[in-house]
Amino acid sequence: MNVNEASAGKIQIYSIEEQDSRMATCIVRCVGGEVRTGQLFGVGASGGVPADETQVALDWIERYGQRTDFLSPPHSAMIHLSGRGAALLTRNLTITSIENGSEVL
């Protein structure tokens, strides 16, 4: 494991509150690194392949009814994700932030 993998933000999806083909609102727990709004995450069989069709962007994080810009282990929050990979999100899936990802369309 390299330094970038060790510091990558990782979140595990506890439940999906709302979902369609381009967005999802989820309850998650941060299980590694620090997760920040604006980060891209890979969604796929191996935790995410950084291809455009399997990416989601973290739009917002809400803890205790307040918006925040980051989440660290072992805290939980409600988050909103958007992008083509949103339809692939499932309960218990762990997704990892992508370094130098491209914009999610």
Protein backbone atom coordinates (compact mmCIF):
# COMPACT_ATOMS: atom_id res chain seq x y z
CA MET A 1 0.00 0.00 0.00
CA ASN A 2 1.47 3.36 -0.97
CA VAL A 3 1.13 6.62 0.97
CA ASN A 4 -1.72 7.86 -1.25
CA GLU A 5 -3.76 4.69 -0.65
CA ALA A 6 -3.21 4.92 3.11
CA SER A 7 -4.46 8.53 3.25
CA ALA A 8 -7.34 8.11 0.79
CA GLY A 9 -10.79 8.95 2.12
CA LYS A 10 -12.95 5.85 2.53
CA ILE A 11 -16.63 5.70 3.38
CA GLN A 12 -18.89 2.72 3.97
CA ILE A 13 -22.52 3.07 2.99
CA TYR A 14 -24.85 2.14 5.84
CA SER A 15 -28.11 2.94 4.05
CA ILE A 16 -29.37 4.64 0.91
CA GLU A 17 -32.12 7.13 1.67
CA GLU A 18 -32.75 8.30 -1.91
CA GLN A 19 -31.24 7.17 -5.21
CA ASP A 20 -31.62 7.44 -8.97
CA SER A 21 -29.28 6.99 -11.93
CA ARG A 22 -27.37 10.26 -11.24
CA MET A 23 -27.53 10.91 -7.48
CA ALA A 24 -27.83 9.30 -4.06
CA THR A 25 -28.38 10.50 -0.50
CA CYS A 26 -26.80 8.04 1.94
CA ILE A 27 -26.02 7.46 5.59
CA VAL A 28 -22.32 6.59 5.78
CA ARG A 29 -19.45 5.99 8.19
CA CYS A 30 -15.97 7.26 7.43
CA VAL A 31 -13.65 4.24 7.69
CA GLY A 32 -10.36 5.75 6.50
CA GLY A 33 -8.57 9.00 5.81
CA GLU A 34 -10.46 12.26 5.69
CA VAL A 35 -13.45 12.70 3.40
CA ARG A 36 -14.15 16.20 2.03
CA THR A 37 -16.86 17.80 -0.05
CA GLY A 38 -15.85 18.03 -3.70
CA GLN A 39 -13.90 14.75 -3.65
CA LEU A 40 -14.48 12.15 -6.35
CA PHE A 41 -15.01 8.51 -5.39
CA GLY A 42 -14.71 5.38 -7.48
CA VAL A 43 -17.62 2.94 -7.43
CA GLY A 44 -16.99 -0.57 -8.67
CA ALA A 45 -16.20 -4.18 -7.84
CA SER A 46 -12.79 -3.37 -6.36
CA GLY A 47 -13.88 -0.26 -4.46
CA GLY A 48 -13.72 1.86 -7.54
CA VAL A 49 -12.04 2.14 -10.88
CA PRO A 50 -11.46 5.79 -11.79
CA ALA A 51 -13.40 5.63 -15.05
CA ASP A 52 -15.92 8.41 -15.68
CA GLU A 53 -18.89 6.04 -15.67
CA THR A 54 -18.04 4.71 -12.20
CA GLN A 55 -17.41 7.98 -10.37
CA VAL A 56 -19.46 9.99 -7.93
CA ALA A 57 -18.76 13.43 -6.47
CA LEU A 58 -19.39 14.24 -2.82
CA ASP A 59 -21.70 17.27 -2.92
CA TRP A 60 -22.41 17.78 0.77
CA ILE A 61 -21.98 16.27 4.24
CA GLU A 62 -24.48 16.75 7.07
CA ARG A 63 -23.83 15.82 10.72
CA TYR A 64 -26.31 16.51 13.51
CA GLY A 65 -28.41 18.67 11.18
CA GLN A 66 -25.47 20.91 10.23
CA ARG A 67 -23.50 21.01 6.98
CA THR A 68 -19.77 20.44 7.27
CA ASP A 69 -16.89 20.25 4.79
CA PHE A 70 -15.19 17.09 6.07
CA LEU A 71 -15.69 13.77 7.83
CA SER A 72 -13.07 11.64 9.61
CA PRO A 73 -13.11 8.15 11.17
CA PRO A 74 -15.08 6.78 12.92
CA HIS A 75 -17.82 9.40 12.42
CA SER A 76 -21.10 8.94 10.56
CA ALA A 77 -23.07 11.42 8.49
CA MET A 78 -25.66 11.88 5.78
CA ILE A 79 -24.07 12.68 2.44
CA HIS A 80 -25.17 13.49 -1.09
CA LEU A 81 -23.31 11.97 -4.04
CA SER A 82 -23.83 12.74 -7.73
CA GLY A 83 -22.52 11.30 -10.97
CA ARG A 84 -22.89 8.36 -13.31
CA GLY A 85 -21.77 5.87 -10.66
CA ALA A 86 -24.68 6.69 -8.30
CA ALA A 87 -26.81 3.84 -9.64
CA LEU A 88 -24.08 1.37 -8.61
CA LEU A 89 -24.13 2.32 -4.91
CA THR A 90 -25.38 -0.37 -2.52
CA ARG A 91 -25.65 -0.93 1.23
CA ASN A 92 -22.34 -1.95 2.89
CA LEU A 93 -20.28 -0.86 -0.14
CA THR A 94 -17.04 0.92 0.76
CA ILE A 95 -15.91 3.56 -1.72
CA THR A 96 -12.51 5.27 -1.90
CA SER A 97 -11.58 8.78 -2.99
CA ILE A 98 -9.83 9.14 -6.33
CA GLU A 99 -6.73 11.27 -6.57
CA ASN A 100 -6.63 13.53 -9.63
CA GLY A 101 -10.04 12.37 -10.84
CA SER A 102 -11.76 14.10 -13.72
CA GLU A 103 -14.99 16.06 -13.43
CA VAL A 104 -18.13 13.98 -13.02
CA LEU A 105 -20.68 14.74 -15.72
